[in-house]
Amino acid sequence: MVAQEAESPGGLHRGLTPWLRRCLLALWRVEIAGLAHLPKTGPVILACNHVSNMDPPLLGLSALPVRACRFLAKVELFRIPIVGWALRQTGAIALDRGRADVAAVRAALGALARGRCLVVFPEGTRSRDGRPGRPKAGIGFLAGRSGAPVVPARVTGTERWFLRRDLRVAFGAPLRFTGDPSDRKQCQDFAHLVMQAIFSL
């Protein structure tokens, strides 16, 4: 299967995103910390924890003053009519978690080669209790193959975002993978290092 990906965010997305950010900041008190850690140019992997469906839009809109983000998203989301359309508008890359999705990996590396900011949730799925899950080695592989720095990010408050007003997004200092991307253990060790950095924020 060819990875479902748009070359760049659609025009409607570019027009709506600043408006959506204003709405977000009007409806919730969002504390954004450490945004200066996110490079303004060049390839970068933004690695974040994941506890809620609110996390991707919150993270993307929080990063917007510095970078527009693209996301690796599970392929099932692309099959939901409105959600799938919105993901395509943002240039998201569909990832089939049930197999080794070579097409998605190539699309992700291609986006990084073009200097994009790619959002990855290292755990691969939402945490039901907010505690760190076991990260996937893929983030080490992407970082090693692309040479892109990995900026850890942590969102808090989103597990019950519809009942509360205070949300927080924190960005940390970039990490570099200097090992061998073909060595799974080294990639896994780096993934654990990224998770530690995320939950230290």
N, C-alpha and C. Protein backbone atom coordinates (compact mmCIF):
# COMPACT_ATOMS: atom_id res chain seq x y z
N MET A 1 0.84 -1.20 0.00
CA MET A 1 0.00 0.00 0.00
C MET A 1 0.88 1.25 0.00
N VAL A 2 0.56 2.21 -0.80
CA VAL A 2 1.28 3.47 -0.82
C VAL A 2 0.83 4.32 0.36
N ALA A 3 1.77 4.88 1.07
CA ALA A 3 1.42 5.71 2.23
C ALA A 3 0.54 6.85 1.79
N GLN A 4 -0.55 7.07 2.54
CA GLN A 4 -1.46 8.16 2.23
C GLN A 4 -0.88 9.44 2.80
N GLU A 5 -0.40 10.29 1.92
CA GLU A 5 0.31 11.49 2.36
C GLU A 5 0.09 12.59 1.36
N ALA A 6 -0.08 13.80 1.84
CA ALA A 6 -0.10 14.97 0.98
C ALA A 6 1.29 15.58 0.98
N GLU A 7 1.72 16.11 -0.13
CA GLU A 7 3.06 16.68 -0.23
C GLU A 7 3.24 17.83 0.75
N SER A 8 2.20 18.60 0.97
CA SER A 8 2.26 19.71 1.91
C SER A 8 0.85 20.01 2.38
N PRO A 9 0.70 20.72 3.50
CA PRO A 9 -0.63 21.04 3.98
C PRO A 9 -1.45 21.79 2.93
N GLY A 10 -2.75 21.48 2.88
CA GLY A 10 -3.62 22.12 1.91
C GLY A 10 -3.87 23.57 2.22
N GLY A 11 -4.33 24.30 1.22
CA GLY A 11 -4.58 25.73 1.39
C GLY A 11 -5.64 26.02 2.44
N LEU A 12 -6.68 25.17 2.49
CA LEU A 12 -7.72 25.37 3.50
C LEU A 12 -7.13 25.23 4.89
N HIS A 13 -6.25 24.25 5.06
CA HIS A 13 -5.60 24.05 6.36
C HIS A 13 -4.77 25.27 6.73
N ARG A 14 -4.01 25.80 5.78
CA ARG A 14 -3.17 26.96 6.08
C ARG A 14 -4.01 28.17 6.46
N GLY A 15 -5.19 28.28 5.85
CA GLY A 15 -6.06 29.40 6.16
C GLY A 15 -6.76 29.25 7.51
N LEU A 16 -7.13 28.02 7.85
CA LEU A 16 -7.88 27.79 9.07
C LEU A 16 -7.01 27.70 10.32
N THR A 17 -5.77 27.27 10.16
CA THR A 17 -4.94 26.98 11.33
C THR A 17 -4.76 28.18 12.26
N PRO A 18 -4.42 29.38 11.78
CA PRO A 18 -4.29 30.51 12.70
C PRO A 18 -5.60 30.81 13.44
N TRP A 19 -6.73 30.64 12.76
CA TRP A 19 -8.03 30.86 13.40
C TRP A 19 -8.27 29.82 14.48
N LEU A 20 -7.93 28.57 14.20
CA LEU A 20 -8.10 27.50 15.18
C LEU A 20 -7.21 27.74 16.41
N ARG A 21 -6.02 28.27 16.18
CA ARG A 21 -5.13 28.55 17.32
C ARG A 21 -5.74 29.64 18.21
N ARG A 22 -6.32 30.66 17.60
CA ARG A 22 -6.95 31.71 18.39
C ARG A 22 -8.12 31.14 19.21
N CYS A 23 -8.89 30.24 18.60
CA CYS A 23 -10.01 29.61 19.31
C CYS A 23 -9.51 28.78 20.48
N LEU A 24 -8.43 28.02 20.26
CA LEU A 24 -7.86 27.20 21.32
C LEU A 24 -7.46 28.05 22.51
N LEU A 25 -6.76 29.13 22.25
CA LEU A 25 -6.28 29.98 23.34
C LEU A 25 -7.42 30.76 24.00
N ALA A 26 -8.53 30.93 23.29
CA ALA A 26 -9.68 31.61 23.87
C ALA A 26 -10.49 30.67 24.78
N LEU A 27 -10.54 29.39 24.43
CA LEU A 27 -11.37 28.43 25.18
C LEU A 27 -10.62 27.80 26.35
N TRP A 28 -9.29 27.67 26.23
CA TRP A 28 -8.49 27.06 27.28
C TRP A 28 -7.33 27.97 27.66
N ARG A 29 -6.91 27.87 28.90
CA ARG A 29 -5.68 28.52 29.33
C ARG A 29 -4.54 27.57 29.03
N VAL A 30 -3.82 27.85 27.97
CA VAL A 30 -2.75 26.96 27.53
C VAL A 30 -1.40 27.57 27.88
N GLU A 31 -0.67 26.88 28.74
CA GLU A 31 0.69 27.30 29.06
C GLU A 31 1.63 26.60 28.08
N ILE A 32 2.42 27.38 27.37
CA ILE A 32 3.38 26.83 26.41
C ILE A 32 4.78 27.19 26.89
N ALA A 33 5.58 26.18 27.19
CA ALA A 33 6.92 26.40 27.74
C ALA A 33 7.98 25.79 26.84
N GLY A 34 9.12 26.47 26.73
CA GLY A 34 10.27 25.92 26.04
C GLY A 34 10.18 25.90 24.52
N LEU A 35 9.30 26.70 23.96
CA LEU A 35 9.12 26.67 22.50
C LEU A 35 10.40 27.06 21.75
N ALA A 36 11.28 27.78 22.43
CA ALA A 36 12.55 28.18 21.80
C ALA A 36 13.43 26.97 21.48
N HIS A 37 13.15 25.81 22.08
CA HIS A 37 13.92 24.60 21.78
C HIS A 37 13.60 24.04 20.39
N LEU A 38 12.48 24.42 19.82
CA LEU A 38 12.09 23.89 18.52
C LEU A 38 12.79 24.68 17.42
N PRO A 39 13.65 24.04 16.63
CA PRO A 39 14.37 24.77 15.57
C PRO A 39 13.40 25.40 14.56
N LYS A 40 13.74 26.59 14.11
CA LYS A 40 12.86 27.29 13.18
C LYS A 40 12.95 26.74 11.75
N THR A 41 14.07 26.12 11.44
CA THR A 41 14.27 25.58 10.09
C THR A 41 14.94 24.22 10.18
N GLY A 42 14.89 23.50 9.07
CA GLY A 42 15.56 22.22 8.98
C GLY A 42 14.72 21.08 9.51
N PRO A 43 15.13 19.86 9.23
CA PRO A 43 14.36 18.69 9.66
C PRO A 43 14.39 18.55 11.17
N VAL A 44 13.27 18.18 11.74
CA VAL A 44 13.18 17.95 13.18
C VAL A 44 12.06 16.96 13.44
N ILE A 45 12.30 16.09 14.41
CA ILE A 45 11.28 15.15 14.88
C ILE A 45 10.78 15.66 16.22
N LEU A 46 9.49 15.88 16.32
CA LEU A 46 8.87 16.33 17.56
C LEU A 46 8.22 15.12 18.21
N ALA A 47 8.76 14.68 19.34
CA ALA A 47 8.30 13.45 20.00
C ALA A 47 7.51 13.80 21.25
N CYS A 48 6.28 13.28 21.32
CA CYS A 48 5.37 13.69 22.39
C CYS A 48 4.69 12.49 23.03
N ASN A 49 4.31 12.64 24.30
CA ASN A 49 3.47 11.65 24.95
C ASN A 49 2.06 11.73 24.36
N HIS A 50 1.24 10.73 24.66
CA HIS A 50 -0.08 10.67 24.02
C HIS A 50 -1.09 10.06 24.98
N VAL A 51 -2.02 10.91 25.45
CA VAL A 51 -3.06 10.44 26.37
C VAL A 51 -4.47 10.71 25.87
N SER A 52 -4.60 11.51 24.81
CA SER A 52 -5.93 11.95 24.38
C SER A 52 -5.93 12.31 22.90
N ASN A 53 -7.12 12.25 22.30
CA ASN A 53 -7.26 12.72 20.92
C ASN A 53 -7.01 14.22 20.79
N MET A 54 -7.01 14.92 21.91
CA MET A 54 -6.74 16.36 21.92
C MET A 54 -5.26 16.66 21.71
N ASP A 55 -4.39 15.67 21.97
CA ASP A 55 -2.95 15.92 21.94
C ASP A 55 -2.43 16.43 20.59
N PRO A 56 -2.77 15.76 19.46
CA PRO A 56 -2.22 16.23 18.18
C PRO A 56 -2.59 17.68 17.84
N PRO A 57 -3.88 18.07 17.91
CA PRO A 57 -4.16 19.48 17.58
C PRO A 57 -3.55 20.45 18.57
N LEU A 58 -3.54 20.09 19.86
CA LEU A 58 -2.94 20.98 20.85
C LEU A 58 -1.45 21.17 20.58
N LEU A 59 -0.75 20.08 20.31
CA LEU A 59 0.68 20.16 20.04
C LEU A 59 0.96 20.95 18.77
N GLY A 60 0.22 20.63 17.70
CA GLY A 60 0.44 21.31 16.43
C GLY A 60 0.17 22.80 16.50
N LEU A 61 -0.90 23.17 17.18
CA LEU A 61 -1.25 24.60 17.28
C LEU A 61 -0.29 25.33 18.23
N SER A 62 0.22 24.64 19.23
CA SER A 62 1.18 25.26 20.14
C SER A 62 2.51 25.54 19.44
N ALA A 63 2.90 24.63 18.54
CA ALA A 63 4.17 24.79 17.82
C ALA A 63 4.08 25.79 16.68
N LEU A 64 2.87 26.14 16.29
CA LEU A 64 2.64 26.92 15.08
C LEU A 64 3.43 28.23 14.96
N PRO A 65 3.66 28.98 16.05
CA PRO A 65 4.44 30.21 15.87
C PRO A 65 5.85 29.96 15.33
N VAL A 66 6.35 28.73 15.53
CA VAL A 66 7.70 28.40 15.07
C VAL A 66 7.68 27.50 13.84
N ARG A 67 6.89 26.43 13.88
CA ARG A 67 6.86 25.45 12.79
C ARG A 67 5.45 24.93 12.54
N ALA A 68 5.19 24.62 11.27
CA ALA A 68 4.01 23.83 10.92
C ALA A 68 4.40 22.37 11.05
N CYS A 69 3.53 21.56 11.64
CA CYS A 69 3.86 20.16 11.92
C CYS A 69 3.14 19.22 10.96
N ARG A 70 3.79 18.11 10.69
CA ARG A 70 3.16 16.98 10.01
C ARG A 70 3.16 15.81 10.97
N PHE A 71 2.20 14.92 10.82
CA PHE A 71 2.02 13.86 11.80
C PHE A 71 2.10 12.48 11.16
N LEU A 72 2.65 11.55 11.92
CA LEU A 72 2.47 10.14 11.62
C LEU A 72 1.20 9.72 12.35
N ALA A 73 0.21 9.21 11.63
CA ALA A 73 -1.08 8.87 12.24
C ALA A 73 -1.49 7.47 11.82
N LYS A 74 -2.13 6.75 12.72
CA LYS A 74 -2.53 5.39 12.40
C LYS A 74 -3.51 5.39 11.23
N VAL A 75 -3.36 4.41 10.35
CA VAL A 75 -4.11 4.37 9.09
C VAL A 75 -5.61 4.31 9.33
N GLU A 76 -6.03 3.75 10.47
CA GLU A 76 -7.46 3.65 10.75
C GLU A 76 -8.15 5.01 10.78
N LEU A 77 -7.42 6.04 11.21
CA LEU A 77 -8.00 7.38 11.30
C LEU A 77 -8.34 7.94 9.92
N PHE A 78 -7.60 7.53 8.90
CA PHE A 78 -7.83 8.03 7.55
C PHE A 78 -9.13 7.48 6.97
N ARG A 79 -9.68 6.43 7.58
CA ARG A 79 -10.91 5.83 7.08
C ARG A 79 -12.16 6.49 7.67
N ILE A 80 -11.97 7.37 8.64
CA ILE A 80 -13.09 8.12 9.23
C ILE A 80 -13.31 9.36 8.37
N PRO A 81 -14.50 9.52 7.77
CA PRO A 81 -14.70 10.57 6.75
C PRO A 81 -14.15 11.94 7.09
N ILE A 82 -14.60 12.58 8.14
CA ILE A 82 -14.17 13.94 8.42
C ILE A 82 -12.73 13.97 8.95
N VAL A 83 -12.42 13.03 9.83
CA VAL A 83 -11.07 12.97 10.39
C VAL A 83 -10.03 12.70 9.30
N GLY A 84 -10.34 11.75 8.41
CA GLY A 84 -9.41 11.44 7.32
C GLY A 84 -9.17 12.63 6.42
N TRP A 85 -10.22 13.36 6.12
CA TRP A 85 -10.08 14.56 5.29
C TRP A 85 -9.18 15.59 5.98
N ALA A 86 -9.40 15.78 7.28
CA ALA A 86 -8.60 16.76 8.02
C ALA A 86 -7.13 16.35 8.06
N LEU A 87 -6.88 15.05 8.23
CA LEU A 87 -5.50 14.58 8.25
C LEU A 87 -4.81 14.81 6.91
N ARG A 88 -5.53 14.55 5.84
CA ARG A 88 -4.94 14.78 4.51
C ARG A 88 -4.65 16.26 4.29
N GLN A 89 -5.50 17.13 4.83
CA GLN A 89 -5.27 18.56 4.70
C GLN A 89 -3.98 18.99 5.39
N THR A 90 -3.62 18.29 6.49
CA THR A 90 -2.40 18.65 7.21
C THR A 90 -1.16 17.98 6.64
N GLY A 91 -1.33 17.13 5.62
CA GLY A 91 -0.19 16.42 5.07
C GLY A 91 0.27 15.27 5.95
N ALA A 92 -0.66 14.69 6.73
CA ALA A 92 -0.30 13.59 7.63
C ALA A 92 0.08 12.34 6.84
N ILE A 93 0.86 11.49 7.46
CA ILE A 93 1.33 10.25 6.86
C ILE A 93 0.64 9.09 7.57
N ALA A 94 -0.02 8.24 6.80
CA ALA A 94 -0.74 7.10 7.37
C ALA A 94 0.23 5.97 7.69
N LEU A 95 0.11 5.45 8.90
CA LEU A 95 0.98 4.37 9.36
C LEU A 95 0.14 3.16 9.73
N ASP A 96 0.42 2.05 9.09
CA ASP A 96 -0.23 0.79 9.42
C ASP A 96 0.57 0.12 10.54
N ARG A 97 0.00 0.17 11.76
CA ARG A 97 0.74 -0.35 12.92
C ARG A 97 0.74 -1.87 12.98
N GLY A 98 -0.04 -2.52 12.13
CA GLY A 98 -0.13 -3.96 12.17
C GLY A 98 0.97 -4.68 11.40
N ARG A 99 1.85 -3.93 10.77
CA ARG A 99 2.92 -4.55 9.99
C ARG A 99 4.08 -3.57 9.88
N ALA A 100 5.16 -4.04 9.27
CA ALA A 100 6.29 -3.15 9.01
C ALA A 100 5.93 -2.29 7.80
N ASP A 101 5.50 -1.08 8.04
CA ASP A 101 4.97 -0.21 6.98
C ASP A 101 6.12 0.55 6.32
N VAL A 102 6.71 -0.08 5.33
CA VAL A 102 7.87 0.51 4.66
C VAL A 102 7.50 1.81 3.95
N ALA A 103 6.30 1.84 3.35
CA ALA A 103 5.87 3.04 2.62
C ALA A 103 5.76 4.24 3.55
N ALA A 104 5.23 4.02 4.76
CA ALA A 104 5.10 5.12 5.72
C ALA A 104 6.46 5.60 6.18
N VAL A 105 7.39 4.68 6.40
CA VAL A 105 8.73 5.06 6.83
C VAL A 105 9.42 5.87 5.73
N ARG A 106 9.26 5.43 4.49
CA ARG A 106 9.86 6.19 3.38
C ARG A 106 9.25 7.59 3.28
N ALA A 107 7.94 7.68 3.47
CA ALA A 107 7.29 8.98 3.40
C ALA A 107 7.77 9.89 4.53
N ALA A 108 7.95 9.31 5.73
CA ALA A 108 8.43 10.09 6.86
C ALA A 108 9.85 10.58 6.62
N LEU A 109 10.71 9.70 6.13
CA LEU A 109 12.09 10.10 5.82
C LEU A 109 12.13 11.13 4.70
N GLY A 110 11.21 11.00 3.74
CA GLY A 110 11.13 11.98 2.67
C GLY A 110 10.74 13.35 3.18
N ALA A 111 9.79 13.38 4.12
CA ALA A 111 9.38 14.66 4.70
C ALA A 111 10.54 15.30 5.45
N LEU A 112 11.28 14.50 6.20
CA LEU A 112 12.42 15.04 6.93
C LEU A 112 13.53 15.51 5.97
N ALA A 113 13.72 14.77 4.88
CA ALA A 113 14.73 15.18 3.89
C ALA A 113 14.38 16.53 3.27
N ARG A 114 13.09 16.85 3.25
CA ARG A 114 12.66 18.15 2.72
C ARG A 114 12.61 19.22 3.80
N GLY A 115 13.15 18.91 4.98
CA GLY A 115 13.27 19.92 6.03
C GLY A 115 12.01 20.14 6.84
N ARG A 116 11.12 19.14 6.90
CA ARG A 116 9.85 19.32 7.60
C ARG A 116 9.99 18.99 9.09
N CYS A 117 8.99 19.40 9.85
CA CYS A 117 8.85 19.06 11.26
C CYS A 117 7.84 17.91 11.35
N LEU A 118 8.29 16.74 11.80
CA LEU A 118 7.46 15.55 11.84
C LEU A 118 7.14 15.18 13.28
N VAL A 119 5.85 15.07 13.60
CA VAL A 119 5.43 14.69 14.95
C VAL A 119 5.29 13.17 15.03
N VAL A 120 5.91 12.61 16.06
CA VAL A 120 5.85 11.17 16.31
C VAL A 120 5.46 10.95 17.77
N PHE A 121 4.55 10.02 18.00
CA PHE A 121 4.21 9.60 19.36
C PHE A 121 4.95 8.29 19.62
N PRO A 122 6.07 8.33 20.34
CA PRO A 122 6.95 7.15 20.46
C PRO A 122 6.26 5.90 21.00
N GLU A 123 5.22 6.08 21.84
CA GLU A 123 4.53 4.93 22.40
C GLU A 123 3.68 4.20 21.37
N GLY A 124 3.36 4.89 20.29
CA GLY A 124 2.59 4.27 19.21
C GLY A 124 1.10 4.22 19.44
N THR A 125 0.65 4.57 20.63
CA THR A 125 -0.77 4.57 20.95
C THR A 125 -0.98 5.42 22.19
N ARG A 126 -2.25 5.66 22.53
CA ARG A 126 -2.53 6.46 23.72
C ARG A 126 -2.30 5.66 25.00
N SER A 127 -1.82 6.36 26.02
CA SER A 127 -1.71 5.76 27.35
C SER A 127 -3.04 5.95 28.06
N ARG A 128 -3.62 4.87 28.55
CA ARG A 128 -4.93 4.94 29.19
C ARG A 128 -4.87 5.51 30.60
N ASP A 129 -3.70 5.42 31.23
CA ASP A 129 -3.58 5.90 32.61
C ASP A 129 -2.62 7.07 32.76
N GLY A 130 -2.08 7.56 31.63
CA GLY A 130 -1.19 8.71 31.68
C GLY A 130 0.25 8.37 31.96
N ARG A 131 0.52 7.11 32.35
CA ARG A 131 1.89 6.70 32.64
C ARG A 131 2.61 6.32 31.35
N PRO A 132 3.94 6.45 31.33
CA PRO A 132 4.68 6.13 30.10
C PRO A 132 4.50 4.68 29.67
N GLY A 133 4.29 4.50 28.38
CA GLY A 133 4.24 3.16 27.82
C GLY A 133 5.60 2.81 27.23
N ARG A 134 5.72 1.59 26.74
CA ARG A 134 6.99 1.16 26.13
C ARG A 134 7.11 1.83 24.76
N PRO A 135 8.15 2.61 24.54
CA PRO A 135 8.30 3.28 23.25
C PRO A 135 8.74 2.32 22.16
N LYS A 136 8.43 2.68 20.92
CA LYS A 136 8.84 1.89 19.77
C LYS A 136 10.23 2.31 19.31
N ALA A 137 10.97 1.36 18.76
CA ALA A 137 12.33 1.65 18.30
C ALA A 137 12.34 2.53 17.06
N GLY A 138 11.19 2.69 16.41
CA GLY A 138 11.13 3.43 15.15
C GLY A 138 11.62 4.86 15.23
N ILE A 139 11.44 5.49 16.38
CA ILE A 139 11.89 6.89 16.47
C ILE A 139 13.41 6.96 16.40
N GLY A 140 14.10 5.95 16.94
CA GLY A 140 15.56 5.91 16.81
C GLY A 140 15.98 5.69 15.38
N PHE A 141 15.25 4.82 14.69
CA PHE A 141 15.56 4.56 13.28
C PHE A 141 15.38 5.83 12.44
N LEU A 142 14.26 6.53 12.63
CA LEU A 142 14.01 7.75 11.87
C LEU A 142 15.06 8.82 12.17
N ALA A 143 15.41 8.96 13.45
CA ALA A 143 16.41 9.97 13.82
C ALA A 143 17.78 9.61 13.26
N GLY A 144 18.13 8.33 13.31
CA GLY A 144 19.42 7.92 12.80
C GLY A 144 19.54 8.03 11.30
N ARG A 145 18.51 7.62 10.60
CA ARG A 145 18.55 7.66 9.14
C ARG A 145 18.47 9.08 8.61
N SER A 146 17.72 9.95 9.27
CA SER A 146 17.52 11.31 8.76
C SER A 146 18.56 12.30 9.27
N GLY A 147 19.15 11.99 10.43
CA GLY A 147 20.05 12.95 11.05
C GLY A 147 19.33 14.09 11.74
N ALA A 148 18.01 14.01 11.82
CA ALA A 148 17.22 15.08 12.41
C ALA A 148 17.30 15.05 13.94
N PRO A 149 17.36 16.20 14.59
CA PRO A 149 17.28 16.22 16.05
C PRO A 149 15.87 15.83 16.49
N VAL A 150 15.79 15.30 17.69
CA VAL A 150 14.49 14.94 18.28
C VAL A 150 14.20 15.90 19.42
N VAL A 151 13.13 16.66 19.30
CA VAL A 151 12.72 17.58 20.36
C VAL A 151 11.62 16.91 21.18
N PRO A 152 11.87 16.64 22.47
CA PRO A 152 10.83 16.04 23.30
C PRO A 152 9.77 17.08 23.66
N ALA A 153 8.55 16.64 23.75
CA ALA A 153 7.45 17.54 24.13
C ALA A 153 6.49 16.77 25.03
N ARG A 154 5.89 17.46 25.97
CA ARG A 154 4.93 16.82 26.87
C ARG A 154 3.67 17.67 26.98
N VAL A 155 2.54 17.02 26.77
CA VAL A 155 1.25 17.68 26.98
C VAL A 155 0.66 17.16 28.29
N THR A 156 0.07 18.05 29.07
CA THR A 156 -0.58 17.65 30.31
C THR A 156 -1.95 18.31 30.40
N GLY A 157 -2.87 17.59 31.01
CA GLY A 157 -4.23 18.10 31.18
C GLY A 157 -5.21 17.65 30.12
N THR A 158 -4.73 16.98 29.08
CA THR A 158 -5.62 16.65 27.96
C THR A 158 -6.46 15.40 28.19
N GLU A 159 -6.12 14.61 29.22
CA GLU A 159 -6.90 13.40 29.44
C GLU A 159 -8.35 13.73 29.81
N ARG A 160 -8.59 14.91 30.35
CA ARG A 160 -9.96 15.36 30.67
C ARG A 160 -10.15 16.79 30.18
N TRP A 161 -9.70 17.04 28.94
CA TRP A 161 -9.68 18.39 28.41
C TRP A 161 -11.07 19.02 28.34
N PHE A 162 -12.11 18.20 28.20
CA PHE A 162 -13.47 18.73 28.07
C PHE A 162 -14.05 19.16 29.42
N LEU A 163 -13.35 18.84 30.53
CA LEU A 163 -13.83 19.20 31.86
C LEU A 163 -12.96 20.25 32.54
N ARG A 164 -11.87 20.63 31.90
CA ARG A 164 -10.96 21.56 32.56
C ARG A 164 -10.53 22.66 31.59
N ARG A 165 -9.99 23.72 32.15
CA ARG A 165 -9.59 24.86 31.32
C ARG A 165 -8.08 24.97 31.17
N ASP A 166 -7.31 24.32 32.05
CA ASP A 166 -5.86 24.50 32.06
C ASP A 166 -5.15 23.35 31.35
N LEU A 167 -4.42 23.69 30.30
CA LEU A 167 -3.62 22.72 29.56
C LEU A 167 -2.18 23.22 29.49
N ARG A 168 -1.26 22.30 29.30
CA ARG A 168 0.15 22.71 29.24
C ARG A 168 0.87 21.92 28.16
N VAL A 169 1.74 22.62 27.43
CA VAL A 169 2.61 21.99 26.45
C VAL A 169 4.03 22.47 26.73
N ALA A 170 4.94 21.54 26.95
CA ALA A 170 6.34 21.89 27.24
C ALA A 170 7.25 21.24 26.21
N PHE A 171 8.18 22.00 25.71
CA PHE A 171 9.18 21.51 24.75
C PHE A 171 10.53 21.47 25.44
N GLY A 172 11.31 20.42 25.14
CA GLY A 172 12.62 20.26 25.77
C GLY A 172 13.76 20.41 24.79
N ALA A 173 14.97 20.33 25.32
CA ALA A 173 16.18 20.47 24.51
C ALA A 173 16.29 19.31 23.52
N PRO A 174 16.75 19.58 22.31
CA PRO A 174 16.87 18.52 21.29
C PRO A 174 17.84 17.42 21.68
N LEU A 175 17.52 16.21 21.23
CA LEU A 175 18.38 15.04 21.43
C LEU A 175 18.88 14.57 20.06
N ARG A 176 20.08 13.99 20.05
CA ARG A 176 20.65 13.47 18.81
C ARG A 176 20.94 11.97 18.96
N PHE A 177 20.55 11.23 17.94
CA PHE A 177 20.88 9.81 17.91
C PHE A 177 22.18 9.64 17.14
N THR A 178 23.21 9.16 17.82
CA THR A 178 24.53 9.04 17.19
C THR A 178 24.92 7.58 16.96
N GLY A 179 23.96 6.68 17.17
CA GLY A 179 24.26 5.27 17.01
C GLY A 179 24.01 4.77 15.60
N ASP A 180 23.86 3.47 15.49
CA ASP A 180 23.64 2.80 14.21
C ASP A 180 22.14 2.56 14.04
N PRO A 181 21.49 3.21 13.07
CA PRO A 181 20.04 3.04 12.90
C PRO A 181 19.62 1.62 12.51
N SER A 182 20.58 0.80 12.07
CA SER A 182 20.25 -0.59 11.73
C SER A 182 20.33 -1.50 12.94
N ASP A 183 20.80 -0.98 14.07
CA ASP A 183 20.91 -1.76 15.30
C ASP A 183 19.65 -1.50 16.13
N ARG A 184 18.77 -2.49 16.21
CA ARG A 184 17.49 -2.30 16.88
C ARG A 184 17.65 -1.96 18.36
N LYS A 185 18.63 -2.59 19.03
CA LYS A 185 18.83 -2.29 20.45
C LYS A 185 19.22 -0.83 20.66
N GLN A 186 20.12 -0.33 19.82
CA GLN A 186 20.50 1.07 19.95
C GLN A 186 19.31 1.99 19.71
N CYS A 187 18.48 1.64 18.72
CA CYS A 187 17.28 2.44 18.45
C CYS A 187 16.32 2.39 19.62
N GLN A 188 16.17 1.20 20.21
CA GLN A 188 15.28 1.05 21.36
C GLN A 188 15.80 1.82 22.57
N ASP A 189 17.10 1.76 22.80
CA ASP A 189 17.69 2.50 23.91
C ASP A 189 17.48 4.01 23.73
N PHE A 190 17.62 4.48 22.50
CA PHE A 190 17.39 5.90 22.24
C PHE A 190 15.92 6.25 22.47
N ALA A 191 15.02 5.37 22.08
CA ALA A 191 13.59 5.62 22.30
C ALA A 191 13.29 5.78 23.79
N HIS A 192 13.92 4.94 24.62
CA HIS A 192 13.74 5.07 26.07
C HIS A 192 14.30 6.40 26.58
N LEU A 193 15.43 6.83 26.02
CA LEU A 193 16.01 8.11 26.40
C LEU A 193 15.06 9.26 26.05
N VAL A 194 14.43 9.17 24.88
CA VAL A 194 13.46 10.18 24.47
C VAL A 194 12.28 10.21 25.44
N MET A 195 11.78 9.04 25.81
CA MET A 195 10.65 8.99 26.74
C MET A 195 11.02 9.59 28.09
N GLN A 196 12.24 9.32 28.56
CA GLN A 196 12.68 9.91 29.82
C GLN A 196 12.70 11.43 29.72
N ALA A 197 13.16 11.94 28.58
CA ALA A 197 13.21 13.40 28.39
C ALA A 197 11.80 13.98 28.36
N ILE A 198 10.87 13.28 27.71
CA ILE A 198 9.49 13.76 27.64
C ILE A 198 8.89 13.89 29.03
N PHE A 199 9.04 12.84 29.83
CA PHE A 199 8.39 12.84 31.14
C PHE A 199 9.18 13.58 32.21
N SER A 200 10.30 14.17 31.82
CA SER A 200 11.01 15.05 32.74
C SER A 200 10.55 16.50 32.60
N LEU A 201 9.73 16.77 31.58
CA LEU A 201 9.29 18.14 31.31
C LEU A 201 8.12 18.54 32.21
